[in-house]
Protein backbone atom coordinates (compact mmCIF):
# COMPACT_ATOMS: atom_id res chain seq x y z
CA MET A 1 32.10 -20.79 -7.19
CA MET A 2 32.16 -17.07 -6.31
CA TYR A 3 28.39 -16.61 -6.56
CA THR A 4 25.36 -18.54 -5.36
CA SER A 5 23.67 -21.02 -7.70
CA ALA A 6 20.74 -18.63 -8.10
CA THR A 7 22.76 -15.49 -8.88
CA LEU A 8 23.06 -15.68 -12.67
CA PRO A 9 19.62 -17.18 -13.45
CA LEU A 10 17.88 -14.58 -11.30
CA ALA A 11 20.03 -11.73 -12.67
CA GLN A 12 19.18 -12.78 -16.23
CA ALA A 13 15.45 -13.09 -15.52
CA GLY A 14 13.37 -10.36 -17.10
CA ALA A 15 10.97 -8.09 -15.23
CA GLU A 16 7.94 -10.22 -16.17
CA GLN A 17 9.53 -13.40 -14.88
CA ARG A 18 10.43 -11.71 -11.59
CA ALA A 19 6.91 -10.31 -11.37
CA ARG A 20 5.56 -13.86 -11.75
CA LEU A 21 7.77 -14.90 -8.84
CA LEU A 22 6.11 -12.24 -6.67
CA ASP A 23 2.65 -13.21 -7.98
CA GLY A 24 3.32 -16.83 -7.06
CA LEU A 25 4.42 -15.95 -3.55
CA GLY A 26 1.37 -13.73 -3.15
CA ALA A 27 -0.92 -16.57 -4.21
CA GLY A 28 0.83 -18.85 -1.74
CA LEU A 29 0.26 -16.33 1.04
CA ASP A 30 -3.41 -16.08 0.11
CA GLY A 31 -3.69 -19.82 0.57
CA VAL A 32 -2.30 -19.76 4.13
CA ARG A 33 -3.86 -16.52 5.38
CA HIS A 34 -6.19 -18.52 7.62
CA ARG A 35 -3.32 -20.04 9.61
CA LEU A 36 0.13 -18.53 8.93
CA PRO A 37 -0.59 -15.29 10.85
CA ARG A 38 -1.54 -17.31 13.95
CA GLN A 39 1.70 -19.27 13.75
CA ALA A 40 3.75 -16.11 13.15
CA ALA A 41 2.05 -14.43 16.11
CA PHE A 42 3.00 -17.37 18.31
CA ASP A 43 6.58 -17.34 16.99
CA ALA A 44 7.02 -13.60 17.58
CA GLY A 45 5.01 -13.34 20.80
CA VAL A 46 2.58 -10.75 19.43
CA GLU A 47 -1.20 -10.54 19.13
CA PRO A 48 -2.70 -12.48 16.18
CA ALA A 49 -4.35 -9.29 14.90
CA ILE A 50 -0.91 -7.68 14.55
CA ALA A 51 0.41 -10.66 12.58
CA LEU A 52 -2.65 -10.59 10.33
CA ARG A 53 -2.00 -6.93 9.51
CA GLN A 54 1.62 -7.81 8.77
CA HIS A 55 0.46 -10.62 6.47
CA ASP A 56 -1.84 -8.29 4.55
CA MET A 57 0.86 -5.60 4.33
CA LEU A 58 3.34 -8.13 2.93
CA ARG A 59 0.73 -9.22 0.39
CA GLU A 60 0.17 -5.61 -0.67
CA TRP A 61 3.94 -5.04 -1.01
CA LEU A 62 4.24 -8.06 -3.30
CA ARG A 63 1.36 -6.82 -5.44
CA THR A 64 2.83 -3.31 -5.65
CA LEU A 65 6.33 -4.54 -6.48
CA ALA A 66 4.95 -6.76 -9.26
CA LEU A 67 2.94 -3.88 -10.73
CA ALA A 68 5.99 -1.63 -10.63
CA LEU A 69 8.09 -4.24 -12.44
CA ARG A 70 5.49 -4.57 -15.18
CA ALA A 71 5.20 -0.79 -15.53
CA ASP A 72 8.94 -0.31 -16.00
CA THR A 73 9.38 2.04 -18.96
CA GLY A 74 13.04 1.39 -19.54
CA GLY A 75 15.77 3.95 -18.96
CA PRO A 76 19.47 3.26 -18.44
CA ARG A 77 20.34 -0.43 -18.29
CA THR A 78 20.96 -1.77 -14.81
CA VAL A 79 21.95 -5.09 -13.27
CA PRO A 80 21.25 -6.56 -9.83
CA LEU A 81 23.83 -6.02 -7.12
CA GLY A 82 24.05 -9.78 -6.51
CA PRO A 83 23.43 -11.86 -3.38
CA VAL A 84 22.08 -9.86 -0.45
CA ALA A 85 22.25 -10.83 3.23
CA ALA A 86 19.39 -9.98 5.60
CA VAL A 87 21.04 -9.94 9.01
CA GLY A 88 19.66 -9.49 12.51
CA ALA A 89 17.02 -11.47 14.35
CA HIS A 90 14.00 -12.48 12.25
CA GLY A 91 11.69 -14.29 14.65
CA SER A 92 8.68 -14.82 12.40
CA ALA A 93 7.69 -15.01 8.75
CA TYR A 94 6.78 -11.34 8.53
CA GLY A 95 10.03 -10.15 10.03
CA LEU A 96 11.85 -12.44 7.62
CA ALA A 97 9.98 -11.15 4.57
CA GLY A 98 10.55 -7.44 5.12
CA SER A 99 9.83 -5.03 2.30
CA TYR A 100 13.53 -4.72 1.44
CA ALA A 101 14.08 -8.48 1.29
CA MET A 102 11.15 -8.76 -1.13
CA ALA A 103 12.44 -5.74 -3.08
CA ALA A 104 15.83 -7.44 -3.40
CA LEU A 105 14.16 -10.49 -4.96
CA ALA A 106 12.16 -8.20 -7.25
CA ALA A 107 15.43 -6.56 -8.30
CA GLY A 108 16.97 -9.93 -9.18
CA CYS A 109 19.12 -10.47 -6.06
CA PRO A 110 19.17 -13.80 -4.19
CA VAL A 111 18.54 -13.28 -0.47
CA LEU A 112 20.31 -15.13 2.34
CA ALA A 113 18.43 -14.38 5.55
CA ARG A 114 19.18 -15.10 9.15
CA ALA A 115 16.12 -16.64 10.76
CA ALA A 116 15.15 -18.08 14.09
CA PRO A 117 14.17 -21.79 14.02
CA ALA A 118 10.50 -20.81 13.89
CA PRO A 119 7.83 -22.75 11.95
CA SER A 120 6.49 -19.63 10.23
CA CYS A 121 9.96 -18.77 8.88
CA THR A 122 10.39 -22.28 7.50
CA GLU A 123 6.95 -22.20 5.90
CA LEU A 124 7.58 -18.83 4.27
CA ALA A 125 10.87 -20.07 2.80
CA GLY A 126 8.94 -23.04 1.42
CA LEU A 127 6.35 -20.75 -0.18
CA ILE A 128 9.11 -18.75 -1.84
CA ALA A 129 10.74 -21.95 -3.16
CA VAL A 130 7.41 -23.10 -4.66
CA ALA A 131 6.86 -19.68 -6.27
CA ALA A 132 10.41 -19.74 -7.67
CA ALA A 133 9.91 -23.16 -9.23
CA ALA A 134 6.62 -22.05 -10.79
CA ALA A 135 8.40 -19.02 -12.30
CA ARG A 136 11.16 -21.32 -13.60
CA LEU A 137 13.76 -19.83 -11.28
CA PRO A 138 16.12 -21.63 -8.88
CA ASP A 139 14.46 -22.55 -5.60
CA THR A 140 17.67 -21.49 -3.83
CA LEU A 141 17.06 -17.79 -4.47
CA PHE A 142 15.94 -17.39 -0.83
CA GLU A 143 17.96 -19.29 1.77
CA LEU A 144 17.81 -19.38 5.56
CA VAL A 145 20.96 -19.24 7.69
CA VAL A 146 21.43 -19.23 11.46
CA ASP A 147 24.49 -17.05 12.07
CA ASP A 148 25.11 -13.42 11.06
CA ASP A 149 28.89 -13.52 11.34
CA ALA A 150 29.24 -16.55 9.08
CA LEU A 151 26.82 -14.97 6.63
CA LEU A 152 28.70 -11.68 6.48
CA ALA A 153 31.96 -13.53 5.93
CA ARG A 154 30.74 -14.90 2.58
CA ARG A 155 32.62 -13.38 -0.33
CA THR A 156 29.58 -13.81 -2.55
CA LEU A 157 27.67 -10.96 -0.87
CA ARG A 158 27.04 -7.71 -2.65
CA GLY A 159 24.69 -6.00 -0.19
CA VAL A 160 23.35 -6.19 3.36
CA ILE A 161 19.92 -5.50 4.85
CA CYS A 162 20.32 -4.76 8.57
CA ARG A 163 17.28 -5.86 10.54
CA ALA A 164 18.64 -4.57 13.85
CA GLY A 165 19.79 -1.21 12.53
CA ALA A 166 23.36 -0.15 11.93
CA ARG A 167 26.02 -2.80 12.49
CA PRO A 168 29.52 -3.40 11.15
CA VAL A 169 29.48 -4.93 7.68
CA PRO A 170 32.33 -5.86 5.35
CA ARG A 171 34.06 -2.93 3.69
CA LEU A 172 32.49 -1.54 0.51
CA LEU A 173 29.23 -3.49 0.88
CA PRO A 174 26.16 -1.24 0.73
CA ALA A 175 24.19 -1.64 3.98
CA LEU A 176 20.52 -0.74 4.25
CA ALA A 177 18.67 -0.50 7.56
CA GLU A 178 15.52 -2.58 7.13
CA LEU A 179 13.31 0.05 8.77
CA ASP A 180 15.35 2.88 7.24
CA GLY A 181 16.21 4.27 10.64
CA SER A 182 14.00 6.49 12.76
CA GLU A 183 12.48 9.61 11.36
CA ALA A 184 12.91 13.30 12.00
CA ALA A 185 9.48 14.90 12.38
CA PHE A 186 8.99 18.63 11.82
CA VAL A 187 5.81 19.97 13.42
CA LEU A 188 4.92 23.46 12.20
CA PRO A 189 3.23 26.04 14.48
CA SER A 190 -0.40 25.93 13.28
CA ALA A 191 -0.44 22.13 13.31
CA LEU A 192 1.18 22.12 16.73
CA ASN A 193 -1.20 24.68 18.25
CA GLY A 194 -4.25 22.96 16.82
CA ARG A 195 -3.52 19.33 17.70
CA ALA A 196 -0.60 19.07 20.12
CA GLU A 197 -2.28 16.48 22.34
CA TYR A 198 -3.29 14.31 19.37
CA LEU A 199 0.22 14.52 17.89
CA GLY A 200 1.80 13.50 21.19
CA GLN A 201 -0.46 10.47 21.41
CA GLN A 202 0.22 9.45 17.82
CA LEU A 203 3.95 9.93 18.25
CA LEU A 204 4.18 7.38 21.05
CA ALA A 205 1.78 4.97 19.35
CA GLN A 206 4.25 4.31 16.52
CA PRO A 207 6.37 1.14 16.57
CA GLY A 208 10.12 1.30 16.30
CA ALA A 209 12.76 3.62 17.65
CA CYS A 210 11.87 7.02 19.11
CA PRO A 211 12.15 9.81 16.53
CA VAL A 212 13.55 13.31 16.63
CA VAL A 213 10.63 15.76 16.87
CA VAL A 214 11.37 19.37 15.92
CA ALA A 215 9.06 22.29 16.76
CA ILE A 216 9.17 26.00 17.55
CA ASP A 217 8.88 27.02 21.20
CA GLY A 218 5.52 28.33 22.39
CA ASP A 219 2.22 27.22 23.91
CA GLY A 220 1.81 24.35 21.45
CA PHE A 221 5.33 23.11 22.18
CA ILE A 222 4.58 23.09 25.91
CA ASP A 223 1.35 21.14 25.30
CA LEU A 224 3.21 18.59 23.17
CA ARG A 225 5.89 18.16 25.82
CA GLU A 226 3.31 17.64 28.56
CA THR A 227 1.43 15.09 26.44
CA ILE A 228 4.63 13.10 25.89
CA ILE A 229 5.30 13.12 29.63
CA ASP A 230 1.72 12.05 30.41
CA GLN A 231 1.78 9.28 27.80
CA LEU A 232 5.08 7.89 29.12
CA ALA A 233 3.76 8.02 32.70
CA ALA A 234 0.65 6.13 31.57
CA GLY A 235 2.79 3.31 30.23
CA ALA A 236 3.31 4.25 26.58
CA THR A 237 6.42 2.59 25.19
CA CYS A 238 9.08 4.00 22.94
CA THR A 239 12.06 1.91 21.84
CA ARG A 240 15.33 3.35 23.07
CA HIS A 241 18.31 3.53 20.76
CA ALA A 242 21.14 1.09 21.32
CA GLY A 243 23.86 3.72 21.17
CA GLY A 244 25.59 5.36 24.08
CA ALA A 245 24.08 8.17 26.11
CA ALA A 246 25.40 10.81 23.72
CA LEU A 247 23.42 13.99 24.39
CA PRO A 248 24.29 17.67 24.73
CA ALA A 249 25.66 18.96 28.03
CA ALA A 250 23.50 18.07 31.01
CA GLY A 251 22.42 21.68 31.56
CA GLU A 252 20.83 21.74 28.09
CA VAL A 253 18.86 18.50 28.45
CA ARG A 254 15.55 17.84 30.14
CA MET A 255 14.60 14.18 30.45
CA LEU A 256 10.88 13.61 29.84
CA GLY A 257 9.49 11.00 32.19
CA ASP A 258 11.17 8.80 34.75
CA ALA A 259 13.92 6.24 34.35
CA ARG A 260 12.71 2.64 34.13
CA ASP A 261 14.44 -0.68 34.58
CA GLY A 262 17.74 1.06 35.24
CA ARG A 263 17.59 2.96 31.95
CA ALA A 264 17.13 6.66 31.27
CA ALA A 265 13.78 8.05 30.13
CA ALA A 266 12.80 7.31 26.54
CA PHE A 267 12.56 10.98 25.55
CA ALA A 268 14.66 14.07 26.17
CA GLU A 269 14.10 17.75 25.39
CA VAL A 270 17.05 19.62 23.89
CA PRO A 271 17.57 23.07 22.33
CA ALA A 272 18.03 23.17 18.56
CA ALA A 273 21.25 25.16 18.88
CA ALA A 274 22.99 22.19 20.53
CA LEU A 275 22.16 19.91 17.58
CA ILE A 276 22.97 22.50 14.95
CA ALA A 277 26.40 22.78 16.55
CA ASN A 278 26.84 19.00 16.66
CA PRO A 279 24.34 17.12 14.42
CA ALA A 280 26.12 13.79 15.08
CA LEU A 281 24.47 13.74 18.51
CA CYS A 282 21.22 12.73 16.80
CA GLY A 283 22.65 9.54 15.37
CA ALA A 284 24.37 8.59 18.63
CA ARG A 285 21.45 9.35 20.95
CA HIS A 286 19.92 6.77 23.28
CA ALA A 287 16.48 8.40 23.45
CA GLY A 288 13.89 10.16 21.36
CA LEU A 289 14.46 13.90 21.16
CA LEU A 290 11.99 16.75 21.42
CA VAL A 291 13.94 19.61 19.87
CA ARG A 292 13.02 23.18 20.85
CA CYS A 293 13.64 25.82 18.17
CA ALA A 294 13.71 29.51 19.05
CA ASP A 295 12.18 30.57 15.73
CA ALA A 296 11.54 29.54 12.13
CA ALA A 297 15.10 30.36 11.05
CA GLU A 298 16.49 27.92 13.61
CA LEU A 299 14.06 25.21 12.47
CA LEU A 300 15.20 25.65 8.86
CA ALA A 301 18.85 25.54 9.88
CA LEU A 302 18.29 22.34 11.86
CA ALA A 303 16.48 20.66 8.95
CA TRP A 304 19.59 21.09 6.82
CA ALA A 305 22.00 20.15 9.62
CA LEU A 306 20.25 16.82 10.30
CA GLY A 307 20.59 15.58 6.71
CA PRO A 308 21.04 13.26 5.02
CA LEU A 309 17.92 11.53 6.33
CA ALA A 310 16.31 8.36 5.12
CA CYS A 311 12.91 9.60 6.20
CA ALA A 312 11.37 12.83 7.45
CA SER A 313 7.82 13.82 8.23
CA LEU A 314 6.19 17.21 7.93
CA HIS A 315 3.13 18.06 10.05
CA VAL A 316 1.22 21.05 8.73
CA ALA A 317 -2.12 22.85 8.93
CA SER A 318 -3.61 25.55 6.72
CA GLY A 319 -1.85 28.33 8.61
CA ASP A 320 1.58 26.81 7.93
CA ALA A 321 1.64 27.40 4.17
CA ALA A 322 4.37 30.05 4.15
CA LEU A 323 6.78 28.20 6.47
CA SER A 324 6.03 24.89 4.75
CA ALA A 325 6.98 26.44 1.40
CA GLN A 326 10.36 27.36 2.89
CA LEU A 327 10.94 24.06 4.70
CA LEU A 328 9.88 21.56 2.03
CA PRO A 329 12.72 22.34 -0.43
CA VAL A 330 15.23 21.91 2.41
CA LEU A 331 13.70 18.56 3.39
CA GLU A 332 13.74 17.40 -0.22
CA LEU A 333 17.50 17.96 -0.27
CA ALA A 334 17.97 16.35 3.15
CA ALA A 335 15.62 13.32 3.10
CA ARG A 336 14.94 10.42 0.74
CA HIS A 337 11.29 10.01 1.78
CA ILE A 338 8.95 12.68 3.19
CA HIS A 339 5.67 11.77 4.88
CA VAL A 340 3.04 14.47 5.36
CA ASN A 341 0.95 14.49 8.53
CA ARG A 342 1.91 11.05 9.77
CA PHE A 343 4.59 9.72 12.07
CA GLY A 344 6.51 6.54 11.36
CA SER A 345 9.42 5.74 9.08
CA ALA A 346 7.98 2.55 7.57
CA LEU A 347 7.19 2.93 3.88
CA ARG A 348 3.74 2.11 2.60
CA PRO A 349 3.34 -0.02 -0.54
CA THR A 350 3.04 2.64 -3.22
CA ARG A 351 4.52 2.51 -6.72
CA ALA A 352 7.04 5.23 -5.85
CA ALA A 353 8.16 3.36 -2.72
CA ALA A 354 8.40 0.10 -4.68
CA LEU A 355 10.53 1.66 -7.44
CA ASP A 356 12.84 3.20 -4.86
CA ALA A 357 13.07 -0.02 -2.82
CA PHE A 358 14.13 -2.35 -5.61
CA GLY A 359 16.16 0.39 -7.27
CA ARG A 360 18.47 0.21 -4.27
CA PHE A 361 19.40 -3.33 -5.27
CA ARG A 362 20.32 -2.54 -8.86
CA ARG A 363 23.16 -0.53 -10.37
CA PRO A 364 24.00 0.85 -13.80
CA PHE A 365 26.85 -0.58 -15.83
CA PHE A 366 28.87 0.85 -18.69
CA HIS A 367 30.77 -0.74 -21.58
CA HIS A 368 33.88 1.05 -22.85
CA ALA A 369 35.93 0.29 -25.93
CA ASP A 370 38.89 2.00 -27.57
CA ALA A 371 37.85 3.89 -30.67
CA PRO A 372 39.48 1.54 -33.24
CA HIS A 373 37.52 -1.39 -31.84
CA ALA A 374 34.19 0.32 -31.37
CA ALA A 375 31.32 -1.08 -33.38
């Protein structure tokens, strides 16, 4: 068989039936909230409070996805992509049930996920199977596998969610980074001058890979740079990118902080002109970048050069209205999601985010007939 046993039943399920699947999983999560986060924390090696927040965020995503399904007002007919693989290490239930994996189920796509042999992963898969049965859907719509390469070799796949970021996937399969990559943050002058220290602290408090931070040179830029250096010296962490050390020429780069554990510093300062000339350096970088723009025109040029972006953030204050009015249309053309006055590329469970998330796992289709045979 060229598709999984759950593919056709789930594809043919209506929005209400898929919403009931999400409702059932949510109810199951409510029933284990007192203990599943503790087990997931142990599995992942994180604090229980972090796992509890992840549990509640997953619950809110399920609720939001179900509401979005029920509020669907029609439009062009679409069908699910088909079976989706979630590849990369998933060490606990909440890594396994990322927002995109749940959105794929909401869209009508079976999910085959690589998981560590962790009790919380097994329990989550069991909760999904129970919810599927209650919604009269196949309990095989969410399956656990142990090997990425074997999973990607399956001819049944129609999409890939990449937990660990970009990785080679079979030709023509759409691949979606589970965290949607790291953001590009544009900090405008009034916001920068008024809260540079706060922004530097918030920047390094975000989980995930170090972003690209773009600002115009001046006193606020210097304050932001010094805050980043101080935070790194005080032990703040920032995940380095896995790519090679692709940065502009050494004379144009200033590493912020000291090398640790044989690796370069987690942040580097570079001039905007170097990235405008070669935007690919952003994607291949090994560190976060603090990008120094000479003026507003250079900031606008860089915003366009860095696109397309999955996510961008815009940090503004009342004095930034004129520049923000110029920058926002450029960001709307360059980025899929724009956050205002917050760092972090992770999407929050809003109706717009839910519609976009499961919309990525559906596609339109078209019937064509020669004129003599048309109805």
